[in-house]
Amino acid sequence: MDLELQNKKIELIQWLSTLEDNSLIDKLMKFREEEKSDWWNSISEAERSSIQRGIEDAEDGKLKPHSEAQKIYGKWL
């Protein structure tokens, strides 16, 4: 594991161990719960439908190569 990441984790653990603010702890717990939830449940029905259509297109072989997409959309990339 990256040493810098490990140091950040240790720093956070040390900070959390001294934390006395209940409202901040509650916010952190809520954030943790939200991170564990499935993003699929937080997107709109239109977004789910669009993703499903894309999956179906891929399964049906209706895909374009990346090079073709670059030609079409290159000016915006």
C-alpha atoms as a PDB file:
ATOM      1  CA  MET A   1       0.000   0.000   0.000  1.00  0.00           C
ATOM      2  CA  ASP A   2       1.088   3.560  -0.726  1.00  0.00           C
ATOM      3  CA  LEU A   3       2.983   4.986   2.256  1.00  0.00           C
ATOM      4  CA  GLU A   4       1.391   8.422   1.825  1.00  0.00           C
ATOM      5  CA  LEU A   5      -2.080   6.875   1.913  1.00  0.00           C
ATOM      6  CA  GLN A   6      -1.151   4.856   4.996  1.00  0.00           C
ATOM      7  CA  ASN A   7       0.047   8.032   6.744  1.00  0.00           C
ATOM      8  CA  LYS A   8      -3.214   9.821   5.901  1.00  0.00           C
ATOM      9  CA  LYS A   9      -5.210   6.951   7.375  1.00  0.00           C
ATOM     10  CA  ILE A  10      -3.185   7.018  10.575  1.00  0.00           C
ATOM     11  CA  GLU A  11      -3.632  10.785  10.819  1.00  0.00           C
ATOM     12  CA  LEU A  12      -7.400  10.396  10.416  1.00  0.00           C
ATOM     13  CA  ILE A  13      -7.539   7.639  13.034  1.00  0.00           C
ATOM     14  CA  GLN A  14      -5.624   9.799  15.494  1.00  0.00           C
ATOM     15  CA  TRP A  15      -7.914  12.759  14.810  1.00  0.00           C
ATOM     16  CA  LEU A  16     -11.054  10.632  15.170  1.00  0.00           C
ATOM     17  CA  SER A  17      -9.852   9.200  18.473  1.00  0.00           C
ATOM     18  CA  THR A  18      -9.738  12.710  19.971  1.00  0.00           C
ATOM     19  CA  LEU A  19     -12.993  13.955  18.468  1.00  0.00           C
ATOM     20  CA  GLU A  20     -15.636  15.042  21.000  1.00  0.00           C
ATOM     21  CA  ASP A  21     -18.152  16.770  18.708  1.00  0.00           C
ATOM     22  CA  ASN A  22     -21.221  14.484  18.489  1.00  0.00           C
ATOM     23  CA  SER A  23     -22.711  16.312  15.511  1.00  0.00           C
ATOM     24  CA  LEU A  24     -19.502  15.889  13.521  1.00  0.00           C
ATOM     25  CA  ILE A  25     -19.309  12.218  14.457  1.00  0.00           C
ATOM     26  CA  ASP A  26     -22.926  11.798  13.342  1.00  0.00           C
ATOM     27  CA  LYS A  27     -22.128  13.487  10.012  1.00  0.00           C
ATOM     28  CA  LEU A  28     -19.146  11.194   9.513  1.00  0.00           C
ATOM     29  CA  MET A  29     -21.265   8.134  10.291  1.00  0.00           C
ATOM     30  CA  LYS A  30     -23.913   9.311   7.809  1.00  0.00           C
ATOM     31  CA  PHE A  31     -21.223   9.852   5.176  1.00  0.00           C
ATOM     32  CA  ARG A  32     -19.913   6.344   5.836  1.00  0.00           C
ATOM     33  CA  GLU A  33     -23.373   4.838   5.388  1.00  0.00           C
ATOM     34  CA  GLU A  34     -23.929   6.768   2.154  1.00  0.00           C
ATOM     35  CA  GLU A  35     -20.605   5.478   0.831  1.00  0.00           C
ATOM     36  CA  LYS A  36     -21.743   1.903   1.437  1.00  0.00           C
ATOM     37  CA  SER A  37     -25.028   2.371  -0.428  1.00  0.00           C
ATOM     38  CA  ASP A  38     -25.395   1.321  -4.046  1.00  0.00           C
ATOM     39  CA  TRP A  39     -25.172   4.308  -6.427  1.00  0.00           C
ATOM     40  CA  TRP A  40     -27.763   2.610  -8.661  1.00  0.00           C
ATOM     41  CA  ASN A  41     -30.441   3.464  -6.096  1.00  0.00           C
ATOM     42  CA  SER A  42     -29.517   7.149  -6.102  1.00  0.00           C
ATOM     43  CA  ILE A  43     -29.834   7.826  -9.845  1.00  0.00           C
ATOM     44  CA  SER A  44     -33.000   8.726 -11.704  1.00  0.00           C
ATOM     45  CA  GLU A  45     -35.180   6.286 -13.614  1.00  0.00           C
ATOM     46  CA  ALA A  46     -34.141   8.003 -16.866  1.00  0.00           C
ATOM     47  CA  GLU A  47     -30.462   7.415 -16.025  1.00  0.00           C
ATOM     48  CA  ARG A  48     -31.120   3.745 -15.183  1.00  0.00           C
ATOM     49  CA  SER A  49     -33.017   3.315 -18.442  1.00  0.00           C
ATOM     50  CA  SER A  50     -30.218   4.919 -20.440  1.00  0.00           C
ATOM     51  CA  ILE A  51     -27.622   2.655 -18.823  1.00  0.00           C
ATOM     52  CA  GLN A  52     -29.776  -0.391 -19.485  1.00  0.00           C
ATOM     53  CA  ARG A  53     -30.146   0.582 -23.161  1.00  0.00           C
ATOM     54  CA  GLY A  54     -26.374   0.937 -23.389  1.00  0.00           C
ATOM     55  CA  ILE A  55     -25.856  -2.505 -21.882  1.00  0.00           C
ATOM     56  CA  GLU A  56     -28.373  -4.000 -24.316  1.00  0.00           C
ATOM     57  CA  ASP A  57     -26.649  -2.284 -27.256  1.00  0.00           C
ATOM     58  CA  ALA A  58     -23.304  -3.683 -26.117  1.00  0.00           C
ATOM     59  CA  GLU A  59     -24.738  -7.172 -25.739  1.00  0.00           C
ATOM     60  CA  ASP A  60     -26.251  -6.909 -29.247  1.00  0.00           C
ATOM     61  CA  GLY A  61     -22.901  -5.823 -30.715  1.00  0.00           C
ATOM     62  CA  LYS A  62     -24.146  -2.323 -31.566  1.00  0.00           C
ATOM     63  CA  LEU A  63     -20.891  -0.629 -30.647  1.00  0.00           C
ATOM     64  CA  LYS A  64     -18.673   1.827 -32.495  1.00  0.00           C
ATOM     65  CA  PRO A  65     -14.890   1.772 -32.200  1.00  0.00           C
ATOM     66  CA  HIS A  66     -13.224   4.435 -30.070  1.00  0.00           C
ATOM     67  CA  SER A  67     -11.472   5.847 -33.131  1.00  0.00           C
ATOM     68  CA  GLU A  68     -14.836   6.556 -34.765  1.00  0.00           C
ATOM     69  CA  ALA A  69     -16.114   8.308 -31.653  1.00  0.00           C
ATOM     70  CA  GLN A  70     -12.961  10.438 -31.616  1.00  0.00           C
ATOM     71  CA  LYS A  71     -13.612  11.533 -35.198  1.00  0.00           C
ATOM     72  CA  ILE A  72     -17.176  12.550 -34.372  1.00  0.00           C
ATOM     73  CA  TYR A  73     -16.622  14.130 -30.956  1.00  0.00           C
ATOM     74  CA  GLY A  74     -12.937  15.049 -31.143  1.00  0.00           C
ATOM     75  CA  LYS A  75     -13.543  18.774 -31.302  1.00  0.00           C
ATOM     76  CA  TRP A  76     -15.184  18.652 -27.838  1.00  0.00           C
ATOM     77  CA  LEU A  77     -12.563  16.447 -26.220  1.00  0.00           C
END
